[in-house]
Amino acid sequence: METRADRIFNLLENTREGRLSVGEIAINIAQTEGVDRIHPSIISSTVRQDNKSRDQRGLAPRFNHSGDGNETRGYVSIRRKIKQSTTIKSLVKNAETQIPVIIEKSNEKVKDELKKPF
């Protein structure tokens, strides 16, 4: 089932820069969902909640927003995946960014294994 966060991510993925204002996202998502209007605060809240939920599940957050200090106020963008370090030294040096990537890859591997028939 596609969530509103998924629709926001797909919308950003299909933009040239992977970045839109919260107002632009609200207009596009309202049209997609067939409603008259979505308040921009709903978009901001959805993005923050999606990042928080993914972080709690050991997945890398997928959005940048002003609340996390990675985006200009009023804008949302796609958080680009960080290339995984190949050496212990670079892993330790960049642990804050590398550990979520490693966890996400491990989780994907386990999910694939669980999907295989017995």
Protein backbone atom coordinates (compact mmCIF):
# COMPACT_ATOMS: atom_id res chain seq x y z
CA MET A 1 0.00 0.00 0.00
CA GLU A 2 1.42 3.35 -1.03
CA THR A 3 1.55 5.93 1.75
CA ARG A 4 1.47 9.70 1.48
CA ALA A 5 5.21 9.69 2.27
CA ASP A 6 5.72 7.33 -0.68
CA ARG A 7 3.78 9.71 -2.94
CA ILE A 8 5.89 12.65 -1.73
CA PHE A 9 9.07 10.68 -2.36
CA ASN A 10 7.91 9.69 -5.88
CA LEU A 11 7.00 13.30 -6.63
CA LEU A 12 10.43 14.52 -5.53
CA GLU A 13 12.12 11.73 -7.46
CA ASN A 14 10.43 12.94 -10.63
CA THR A 15 11.57 16.53 -10.21
CA ARG A 16 14.75 17.76 -11.77
CA GLU A 17 16.53 18.58 -8.53
CA GLY A 18 14.72 16.21 -6.15
CA ARG A 19 13.58 19.27 -4.22
CA LEU A 20 10.32 21.25 -3.96
CA SER A 21 8.71 23.73 -1.63
CA VAL A 22 6.25 22.33 0.89
CA GLY A 23 3.50 24.37 -0.79
CA GLU A 24 4.24 22.88 -4.21
CA ILE A 25 4.24 19.38 -2.73
CA ALA A 26 0.89 20.05 -1.02
CA ILE A 27 -0.71 21.15 -4.30
CA ASN A 28 0.62 18.13 -6.21
CA ILE A 29 -0.30 15.61 -3.53
CA ALA A 30 -3.82 17.08 -3.20
CA GLN A 31 -4.31 16.58 -6.95
CA THR A 32 -2.91 13.05 -6.77
CA GLU A 33 -5.18 12.16 -3.86
CA GLY A 34 -8.21 13.86 -5.43
CA VAL A 35 -8.84 16.35 -2.63
CA ASP A 36 -9.30 20.11 -2.82
CA ARG A 37 -6.44 21.07 -0.53
CA ILE A 38 -3.80 19.70 1.80
CA HIS A 39 -2.34 22.12 4.32
CA PRO A 40 1.47 22.43 3.94
CA SER A 41 1.93 21.57 7.63
CA ILE A 42 0.57 18.09 6.84
CA ILE A 43 3.37 17.63 4.31
CA SER A 44 6.02 18.72 6.81
CA SER A 45 4.56 16.46 9.47
CA THR A 46 4.41 13.49 7.07
CA VAL A 47 8.05 13.94 6.10
CA ARG A 48 9.25 14.22 9.70
CA GLN A 49 7.20 11.21 10.79
CA ASP A 50 8.44 9.11 7.86
CA ASN A 51 12.07 9.93 8.72
CA LYS A 52 11.47 9.14 12.39
CA SER A 53 9.72 5.86 11.60
CA ARG A 54 12.45 4.75 9.19
CA ASP A 55 15.14 5.67 11.72
CA GLN A 56 13.40 3.59 14.42
CA ARG A 57 13.28 0.60 12.06
CA GLY A 58 16.99 0.90 11.29
CA LEU A 59 16.47 2.38 7.82
CA ALA A 60 18.11 5.52 6.51
CA PRO A 61 15.74 8.54 6.46
CA ARG A 62 14.76 9.48 2.92
CA PHE A 63 13.94 13.20 3.23
CA ASN A 64 15.83 16.39 4.07
CA HIS A 65 13.79 19.15 5.70
CA SER A 66 14.47 22.32 7.63
CA GLY A 67 13.77 20.63 10.97
CA ASP A 68 16.82 18.39 10.60
CA GLY A 69 19.05 21.25 9.48
CA ASN A 70 19.68 19.75 6.05
CA GLU A 71 17.31 21.90 4.01
CA THR A 72 16.18 25.50 3.62
CA ARG A 73 13.05 26.42 5.55
CA GLY A 74 9.91 25.59 3.56
CA TYR A 75 11.55 23.00 1.31
CA VAL A 76 11.82 19.23 1.24
CA SER A 77 14.35 17.22 -0.75
CA ILE A 78 15.42 13.64 -1.20
CA ARG A 79 18.22 12.55 1.07
CA ARG A 80 20.73 10.93 -1.22
CA LYS A 81 22.06 7.58 -0.19
CA ILE A 82 25.59 7.73 1.07
CA LYS A 83 28.09 5.39 -0.47
CA GLN A 84 29.08 2.69 1.97
CA SER A 85 32.62 2.84 3.32
CA THR A 86 34.91 0.01 2.36
CA THR A 87 37.54 0.31 5.07
CA ILE A 88 37.31 0.17 8.84
CA LYS A 89 39.18 3.50 9.06
CA SER A 90 36.66 5.31 6.84
CA LEU A 91 33.76 3.61 8.65
CA VAL A 92 34.96 4.83 12.03
CA LYS A 93 35.72 8.29 10.67
CA ASN A 94 32.19 8.60 9.21
CA ALA A 95 30.32 6.35 11.65
CA GLU A 96 27.36 8.70 11.99
CA THR A 97 26.54 8.43 8.29
CA GLN A 98 27.84 4.93 7.58
CA ILE A 99 26.16 2.89 10.32
CA PRO A 100 22.58 3.61 9.09
CA VAL A 101 23.65 2.58 5.57
CA ILE A 102 25.10 -0.70 6.85
CA ILE A 103 21.99 -1.41 8.93
CA GLU A 104 19.70 -0.71 5.99
CA LYS A 105 21.67 -3.04 3.71
CA SER A 106 21.62 -5.76 6.38
CA ASN A 107 17.87 -5.36 6.85
CA GLU A 108 17.31 -5.62 3.09
CA LYS A 109 19.38 -8.80 2.99
CA VAL A 110 17.36 -10.37 5.83
CA LYS A 111 14.05 -9.36 4.20
CA ASP A 112 15.14 -11.02 0.93
CA GLU A 113 16.06 -14.18 2.81
CA LEU A 114 12.71 -14.23 4.62
CA LYS A 115 10.83 -13.93 1.32
CA LYS A 116 12.46 -17.06 -0.09
CA PRO A 117 10.34 -20.23 0.10
CA PHE A 118 11.45 -22.98 2.47
